[in-house]
Protein backbone atom coordinates (compact mmCIF):
# COMPACT_ATOMS: atom_id res chain seq x y z
CA MET A 1 -41.10 41.10 -55.62
CA SER A 2 -42.62 37.77 -54.66
CA LEU A 3 -44.75 36.09 -57.30
CA ILE A 4 -46.57 34.04 -54.66
CA TYR A 5 -49.98 35.42 -53.80
CA THR A 6 -51.15 34.76 -50.23
CA PRO A 7 -54.91 35.21 -49.71
CA ILE A 8 -55.85 37.50 -46.83
CA TRP A 9 -57.97 34.80 -45.20
CA PHE A 10 -54.98 32.41 -45.13
CA SER A 11 -52.77 34.88 -43.28
CA THR A 12 -55.62 35.26 -40.80
CA ILE A 13 -55.84 31.55 -39.93
CA LEU A 14 -52.14 30.69 -40.29
CA PRO A 15 -51.27 31.32 -36.58
CA ILE A 16 -54.19 29.10 -35.58
CA LEU A 17 -53.04 26.29 -37.88
CA GLN A 18 -49.45 26.57 -36.61
CA TYR A 19 -50.66 26.32 -33.02
CA MET A 20 -52.77 23.25 -33.83
CA VAL A 21 -49.86 21.44 -35.53
CA LEU A 22 -47.40 22.14 -32.70
CA ASN A 23 -49.87 21.02 -30.05
CA PHE A 24 -51.55 18.14 -31.89
CA VAL A 25 -51.30 15.35 -29.27
CA PRO A 26 -52.31 17.44 -26.23
CA MET A 27 -55.13 18.94 -28.26
CA MET A 28 -56.43 15.52 -29.28
CA LYS A 29 -56.54 14.40 -25.65
CA ALA A 30 -58.24 17.63 -24.60
CA THR A 31 -60.70 17.35 -27.48
CA ILE A 32 -61.76 13.84 -26.45
CA ARG A 33 -62.31 14.98 -22.86
CA TYR A 34 -64.19 18.03 -24.10
CA LEU A 35 -66.53 16.22 -26.50
CA ALA A 36 -67.24 13.47 -24.00
CA GLY A 37 -67.84 15.98 -21.21
CA ILE A 38 -65.48 14.05 -18.94
CA ALA A 39 -65.32 15.70 -15.52
CA GLY A 40 -62.00 16.96 -14.21
CA PRO A 41 -60.71 17.13 -10.60
CA SER A 42 -63.40 19.67 -9.70
CA GLY A 43 -66.14 17.19 -10.59
CA TYR A 44 -67.22 19.41 -13.50
CA GLY A 45 -66.47 19.35 -17.22
CA SER A 46 -67.37 20.91 -20.55
CA LYS A 47 -71.05 19.92 -20.26
CA THR A 48 -71.52 21.49 -16.83
CA THR A 49 -73.97 24.41 -16.75
CA ALA A 50 -73.82 27.68 -14.84
CA ASP A 51 -77.01 26.78 -12.99
CA GLN A 52 -75.43 23.58 -11.68
CA VAL A 53 -72.24 25.33 -10.55
CA VAL A 54 -73.97 28.23 -8.80
CA GLU A 55 -76.55 26.05 -7.05
CA ASP A 56 -73.80 23.69 -5.83
CA SER A 57 -71.65 26.60 -4.67
CA LEU A 58 -74.36 28.44 -2.77
CA ARG A 59 -75.70 25.24 -1.22
CA SER A 60 -72.41 24.93 0.65
CA MET A 61 -72.58 28.51 1.97
CA PRO A 62 -74.22 29.29 5.29
CA ARG A 63 -77.55 30.98 4.66
CA PRO A 64 -78.38 33.72 4.02
CA SER A 65 -75.02 34.36 2.29
CA ALA A 66 -76.20 34.79 -1.28
CA PRO A 67 -78.52 37.78 -0.72
CA HIS A 68 -75.61 39.63 0.87
CA LEU A 69 -73.35 39.19 -2.17
CA THR A 70 -72.95 41.98 -4.72
CA ALA A 71 -71.43 41.39 -8.15
CA ILE A 72 -70.58 43.66 -11.09
CA VAL A 73 -70.77 41.89 -14.45
CA THR A 74 -69.59 43.73 -17.57
CA GLY A 75 -71.02 42.83 -20.96
CA ALA A 76 -74.20 41.55 -19.34
CA THR A 77 -76.75 42.93 -21.79
CA SER A 78 -76.44 39.83 -24.01
CA GLY A 79 -74.73 36.50 -24.54
CA LEU A 80 -72.43 35.07 -21.90
CA GLY A 81 -72.72 38.08 -19.58
CA ALA A 82 -76.51 37.99 -19.62
CA GLU A 83 -76.46 34.32 -18.66
CA ILE A 84 -74.01 34.97 -15.83
CA ALA A 85 -76.22 37.81 -14.57
CA ARG A 86 -79.33 35.61 -14.83
CA VAL A 87 -77.88 32.74 -12.83
CA LEU A 88 -76.44 35.00 -10.14
CA ALA A 89 -79.67 37.01 -9.77
CA LYS A 90 -81.74 33.83 -9.73
CA ASN A 91 -79.75 32.67 -6.72
CA GLY A 92 -80.02 35.88 -4.74
CA VAL A 93 -76.86 37.74 -5.72
CA ARG A 94 -77.34 41.49 -6.23
CA VAL A 95 -76.10 42.18 -9.79
CA ILE A 96 -74.81 45.51 -11.09
CA ILE A 97 -74.92 45.73 -14.91
CA PRO A 98 -72.87 48.45 -16.61
CA ALA A 99 -74.32 49.16 -20.06
CA LEU A 100 -73.55 51.37 -23.03
CA TYR A 101 -75.94 54.28 -23.45
CA ARG A 102 -77.37 52.73 -26.62
CA GLU A 103 -77.95 49.43 -24.76
CA LEU A 104 -79.64 50.81 -21.66
CA GLY A 105 -83.02 49.81 -23.09
CA LYS A 106 -81.81 46.25 -23.62
CA ALA A 107 -80.43 46.19 -20.07
CA GLU A 108 -83.74 47.39 -18.64
CA GLU A 109 -85.57 44.72 -20.63
CA LEU A 110 -83.23 42.08 -19.23
CA LYS A 111 -83.83 43.39 -15.72
CA GLU A 112 -87.60 43.38 -16.24
CA ASN A 113 -87.55 39.78 -17.48
CA LEU A 114 -85.35 38.61 -14.61
CA VAL A 115 -87.48 40.27 -11.95
CA LYS A 116 -90.60 38.83 -13.58
CA GLU A 117 -89.09 35.32 -13.51
CA TYR A 118 -87.35 35.63 -10.14
CA GLN A 119 -89.30 38.08 -7.99
CA GLU A 120 -86.49 38.48 -5.44
CA ALA A 121 -83.88 39.36 -8.08
CA GLU A 122 -82.09 42.65 -7.49
CA ILE A 123 -80.59 44.22 -10.60
CA ILE A 124 -79.06 47.70 -10.84
CA ILE A 125 -78.38 49.23 -14.26
CA SER A 126 -75.75 51.94 -14.71
CA GLU A 127 -74.29 53.50 -17.85
CA MET A 128 -70.68 52.73 -18.76
CA ASP A 129 -68.56 52.56 -21.91
CA LEU A 130 -65.34 50.53 -21.56
CA CYS A 131 -63.92 52.53 -24.47
CA SER A 132 -64.05 55.75 -22.45
CA PHE A 133 -61.94 56.55 -19.40
CA ALA A 134 -64.37 59.32 -18.45
CA SER A 135 -67.34 56.95 -18.64
CA ILE A 136 -65.59 54.32 -16.49
CA GLN A 137 -64.77 56.96 -13.89
CA ARG A 138 -68.40 58.15 -13.81
CA PHE A 139 -69.66 54.58 -13.42
CA CYS A 140 -67.29 53.88 -10.52
CA SER A 141 -68.21 57.16 -8.84
CA ASP A 142 -71.92 56.36 -9.20
CA PHE A 143 -71.48 52.83 -7.88
CA LEU A 144 -69.37 53.87 -4.90
CA SER A 145 -71.92 56.56 -4.01
CA LEU A 146 -74.53 53.81 -3.48
CA GLY A 147 -72.63 52.60 -0.41
CA LEU A 148 -72.98 48.96 -1.45
CA PRO A 149 -70.40 46.26 -0.79
CA LEU A 150 -68.56 44.62 -3.69
CA HIS A 151 -67.77 40.94 -3.40
CA ILE A 152 -67.38 39.91 -7.04
CA LEU A 153 -66.14 41.71 -10.16
CA ILE A 154 -66.53 39.84 -13.44
CA ASN A 155 -64.63 41.46 -16.33
CA ASN A 156 -66.57 39.68 -19.05
CA ALA A 157 -67.25 42.18 -21.86
CA GLY A 158 -65.35 41.58 -25.07
CA ILE A 159 -65.35 42.52 -28.74
CA MET A 160 -63.49 41.51 -31.91
CA SER A 161 -63.71 44.38 -34.37
CA ASN A 162 -63.35 43.43 -38.04
CA LYS A 163 -61.56 46.67 -38.89
CA LEU A 164 -59.17 49.10 -37.26
CA LYS A 165 -61.10 51.50 -35.02
CA PHE A 166 -60.07 53.71 -32.14
CA SER A 167 -61.67 54.47 -28.81
CA GLU A 168 -62.58 57.87 -27.42
CA ASP A 169 -59.11 57.91 -25.83
CA ASN A 170 -57.40 57.03 -29.14
CA ILE A 171 -56.66 53.39 -28.31
CA GLU A 172 -57.25 50.50 -30.72
CA GLN A 173 -60.82 49.49 -29.92
CA THR A 174 -60.43 45.76 -29.25
CA PHE A 175 -57.52 46.38 -26.89
CA ALA A 176 -59.35 49.31 -25.28
CA THR A 177 -62.49 47.30 -24.57
CA ASN A 178 -61.11 43.89 -23.69
CA TYR A 179 -58.12 44.99 -21.64
CA ILE A 180 -57.49 48.70 -20.97
CA GLY A 181 -61.08 49.48 -19.93
CA HIS A 182 -61.24 46.52 -17.56
CA PHE A 183 -57.82 47.43 -16.14
CA LEU A 184 -59.06 50.92 -15.22
CA LEU A 185 -62.39 49.61 -13.90
CA THR A 186 -60.58 47.10 -11.68
CA GLU A 187 -58.10 49.68 -10.38
CA MET A 188 -60.89 52.07 -9.41
CA LEU A 189 -62.79 49.36 -7.53
CA LEU A 190 -59.85 47.63 -5.83
CA GLU A 191 -60.13 49.47 -2.53
CA LYS A 192 -63.88 48.76 -2.35
CA ILE A 193 -63.53 45.02 -3.01
CA MET A 194 -60.66 44.75 -0.50
CA GLU A 195 -62.64 46.75 2.07
CA THR A 196 -65.69 44.51 1.57
CA ALA A 197 -63.58 41.37 1.97
CA SER A 198 -62.03 42.71 5.17
CA GLU A 199 -65.33 43.76 6.71
CA SER A 200 -67.40 40.74 5.66
CA GLY A 201 -64.78 38.04 6.08
CA LYS A 202 -65.80 36.74 2.63
CA GLU A 203 -63.05 36.37 0.04
CA GLY A 204 -63.36 38.97 -2.70
CA ARG A 205 -63.14 37.57 -6.21
CA ILE A 206 -62.24 39.09 -9.55
CA VAL A 207 -62.68 37.06 -12.73
CA ASN A 208 -61.08 38.10 -16.02
CA VAL A 209 -62.67 36.39 -19.02
CA SER A 210 -59.73 35.52 -21.27
CA SER A 211 -59.53 32.96 -24.09
CA VAL A 212 -57.49 30.02 -25.33
CA ALA A 213 -56.64 32.41 -28.18
CA HIS A 214 -53.99 33.91 -25.89
CA LYS A 215 -51.81 30.91 -26.78
CA TRP A 216 -51.54 32.10 -30.39
CA VAL A 217 -49.50 35.16 -29.42
CA ASP A 218 -45.76 35.18 -30.06
CA ALA A 219 -43.65 37.15 -27.57
CA LYS A 220 -41.81 39.03 -30.32
CA ASN A 221 -45.11 40.47 -31.58
CA PHE A 222 -46.44 41.46 -28.16
CA SER A 223 -45.66 45.17 -27.77
CA PHE A 224 -47.69 47.54 -25.60
CA ASP A 225 -47.20 50.54 -27.88
CA LYS A 226 -48.19 48.57 -30.98
CA LEU A 227 -51.25 47.20 -29.20
CA LEU A 228 -52.38 50.75 -28.47
CA ASN A 229 -51.81 51.90 -32.05
CA PRO A 230 -51.02 49.04 -34.47
CA GLU A 231 -49.24 49.67 -37.76
CA SER A 232 -51.36 46.97 -39.37
CA TYR A 233 -54.54 45.32 -38.12
CA ASN A 234 -55.76 41.76 -37.99
CA GLN A 235 -58.91 41.16 -35.96
CA HIS A 236 -57.94 37.70 -34.70
CA ARG A 237 -54.45 38.78 -33.74
CA ALA A 238 -55.83 41.85 -31.94
CA TYR A 239 -58.33 39.71 -30.05
CA ALA A 240 -55.71 37.13 -29.05
CA GLN A 241 -53.31 39.83 -27.85
CA SER A 242 -56.02 41.52 -25.78
CA LYS A 243 -56.87 38.20 -24.13
CA LEU A 244 -53.21 37.53 -23.35
CA ALA A 245 -53.05 40.97 -21.73
CA THR A 246 -56.16 40.12 -19.71
CA LEU A 247 -54.49 36.95 -18.42
CA LEU A 248 -51.24 38.74 -17.59
CA HIS A 249 -53.30 41.32 -15.70
CA ALA A 250 -54.71 38.55 -13.51
CA LYS A 251 -51.23 37.14 -12.89
CA GLU A 252 -49.76 40.46 -11.76
CA LEU A 253 -52.72 41.53 -9.61
CA ALA A 254 -52.64 38.13 -7.89
CA ARG A 255 -49.01 38.84 -6.97
CA GLN A 256 -49.96 42.26 -5.61
CA PHE A 257 -52.86 40.88 -3.55
CA LYS A 258 -50.56 38.25 -2.03
CA ALA A 259 -47.97 40.90 -1.16
CA ARG A 260 -50.63 43.01 0.53
CA LYS A 261 -52.14 39.97 2.27
CA ALA A 262 -55.49 41.03 0.83
CA ASN A 263 -58.39 38.60 1.12
CA VAL A 264 -59.06 38.93 -2.61
CA THR A 265 -58.28 36.60 -5.50
CA ILE A 266 -58.17 37.18 -9.24
CA ASN A 267 -58.20 34.48 -11.89
CA ALA A 268 -58.66 34.20 -15.65
CA VAL A 269 -61.01 31.85 -17.49
CA HIS A 270 -61.54 30.49 -20.97
CA PRO A 271 -65.31 30.05 -21.37
CA GLY A 272 -65.03 27.84 -24.44
CA ALA A 273 -66.32 28.28 -27.97
CA ILE A 274 -69.80 29.74 -27.74
CA LYS A 275 -72.00 31.17 -30.44
CA THR A 276 -72.34 34.68 -29.04
CA GLY A 277 -72.43 38.24 -30.38
CA ILE A 278 -68.65 38.50 -30.42
CA PHE A 279 -68.67 36.84 -33.85
CA LYS A 280 -71.04 39.35 -35.39
CA ASP A 281 -68.18 41.27 -37.06
CA ILE A 282 -66.64 38.18 -38.65
CA ASN A 283 -67.78 37.59 -42.20
CA GLY A 284 -66.93 35.95 -45.49
CA ILE A 285 -64.51 33.05 -45.89
CA THR A 286 -63.07 33.50 -42.38
CA ALA A 287 -66.52 33.10 -40.82
CA ASP A 288 -67.20 29.99 -42.91
CA PHE A 289 -63.86 28.47 -41.90
CA LEU A 290 -64.37 29.19 -38.20
CA TYR A 291 -67.90 27.79 -38.32
CA ILE A 292 -66.75 24.54 -39.94
CA MET A 293 -63.87 24.23 -37.47
CA THR A 294 -65.94 24.84 -34.37
CA ILE A 295 -69.48 23.59 -35.07
CA LYS A 296 -68.87 20.37 -33.11
CA PHE A 297 -67.26 22.24 -30.24
CA LEU A 298 -69.73 25.05 -29.58
CA LYS A 299 -71.10 25.18 -26.06
CA SER A 300 -74.51 26.39 -25.02
CA THR A 301 -74.50 29.78 -23.34
CA SER A 302 -75.15 28.14 -19.98
CA GLN A 303 -72.21 25.78 -20.44
CA GLY A 304 -70.05 28.71 -21.50
CA ALA A 305 -70.96 30.69 -18.38
CA ALA A 306 -70.19 27.79 -16.04
CA THR A 307 -66.44 28.33 -15.65
CA THR A 308 -66.82 32.03 -14.82
CA CYS A 309 -69.46 31.21 -12.21
CA TYR A 310 -67.31 28.40 -10.82
CA VAL A 311 -64.33 30.69 -10.28
CA ALA A 312 -66.51 33.50 -8.91
CA LEU A 313 -68.42 31.43 -6.34
CA SER A 314 -67.19 27.91 -5.77
CA PRO A 315 -65.65 27.07 -2.37
CA MET A 316 -63.25 24.82 -4.31
CA THR A 317 -61.49 27.91 -5.74
CA THR A 318 -61.00 29.55 -2.34
CA GLY A 319 -57.47 30.87 -2.01
CA LEU A 320 -56.59 30.18 -5.65
CA SER A 321 -55.28 33.29 -7.40
CA GLY A 322 -53.42 34.06 -10.61
CA LYS A 323 -54.69 30.82 -12.15
CA TYR A 324 -56.23 29.99 -15.52
CA PHE A 325 -59.38 27.86 -15.78
CA ALA A 326 -61.29 26.11 -18.56
CA ASP A 327 -64.27 23.76 -18.27
CA CYS A 328 -64.42 24.52 -14.52
CA ASN A 329 -60.93 23.15 -13.91
CA GLU A 330 -57.53 24.77 -13.50
CA THR A 331 -55.51 24.32 -16.68
CA GLN A 332 -52.27 25.40 -18.33
CA CYS A 333 -51.83 28.76 -20.03
CA SER A 334 -49.01 29.67 -22.41
CA SER A 335 -45.43 30.18 -21.22
CA LEU A 336 -45.74 33.85 -22.15
CA ALA A 337 -48.86 34.20 -19.98
CA ASN A 338 -46.87 32.63 -17.11
CA ASP A 339 -44.00 35.12 -17.45
CA GLU A 340 -44.04 37.14 -14.21
CA THR A 341 -41.62 39.71 -15.59
CA GLU A 342 -43.83 40.27 -18.63
CA ALA A 343 -46.91 40.54 -16.41
CA ARG A 344 -45.33 43.16 -14.17
CA LYS A 345 -43.95 45.09 -17.15
CA LEU A 346 -47.38 45.20 -18.82
CA TRP A 347 -49.08 46.29 -15.59
CA ASN A 348 -46.55 49.12 -15.08
CA GLN A 349 -46.88 50.27 -18.71
CA THR A 350 -50.68 50.21 -18.53
CA HIS A 351 -50.82 51.98 -15.18
CA ALA A 352 -48.43 54.72 -16.37
CA PHE A 353 -50.34 55.16 -19.64
CA ILE A 354 -53.72 55.51 -17.94
CA GLN A 355 -52.22 57.73 -15.25
CA SER A 356 -51.05 60.15 -17.94
CA ARG A 357 -54.57 60.41 -19.38
CA LEU A 358 -56.62 60.90 -16.20
CA LEU A 359 -57.45 64.17 -14.50
CA GLN A 360 -57.46 62.39 -11.15
CA PRO A 361 -54.52 60.00 -10.58
CA LEU A 362 -54.96 56.30 -9.92
CA GLY A 363 -54.02 54.97 -6.52
CA GLN A 364 -50.37 54.08 -6.11
CA HIS A 365 -51.10 50.83 -4.30
CA ASP A 366 -48.13 48.96 -5.79
CA THR A 367 -45.35 51.52 -5.47
CA ASN A 368 -43.58 49.49 -2.78
CA LEU A 369 -44.16 46.09 -4.37
CA SER A 370 -42.36 46.31 -7.72
């Protein structure tokens, strides 16, 4: 038996420290650019706001394009999602907000405030729980019954549970919410977004909100079965793994869209370090450490929402798919996130798993592409 005692909080931050040591020089360069707000090739940087990006993007569109755009934004009852919804609605985009039953009141309050501030804003609230396959199916059925187009899908919602919990479908909750739920939602809306793109001539766009945390994941610890039902649980590891899965999802779907010649793109983004509700479950020494480490790096909510809005609307991202963005510029993801074989394997495993749980089968749109 080892006589060395390792505090729990140290094992939690060890992967982060290892990543920082191995990537010290690139990180220092990136940190300088980040703190200074130096613009990248897009003309935007870490200090760019969502308002600036959306106004610039829509200014270049022939009017009246914006009022004819429809976007679904998950996790829009607070934080980053609420800011994304605000900026889109302010600029004439019809916004669909899926909300948990217990947050419908909050969603209605957000809608009321937006309509009061921007009289032309069109917001539609619909109940959905990303931790429930049945709830996701009901939401999609309700949305499709409205007969509306779908130009933009923003898979933004995310959690980081501080303890091991399971979803209604018996999946580890962080993985269920951040990845599995969005995978099913996207699959059920694929035909609609491709149909809209074909009929309107406007490129359909899907944005997966990932995180730089995906770079902390080691390939040997990335197992689909263990992600569904882990033998041991660490909230930061679970979060990082779910965000890697989210990025791999974007990589594989981009390949499928290209093979189908669909006028739809999908990309992943890292919004940056933002003080949002996702940290509400972090407490104690870990919270203190993370606060000290990130206090100088925290973005405002508007700055955090900028990259998602850039990828969702900017003409500069037209035709780009399967890419990873941070601070409104394309950037490098981990080698594991770039592994096409791993991306296809994960997609097939996820599709088969969900297929086995649903009463009505998912579409087999990729059967001839594998």
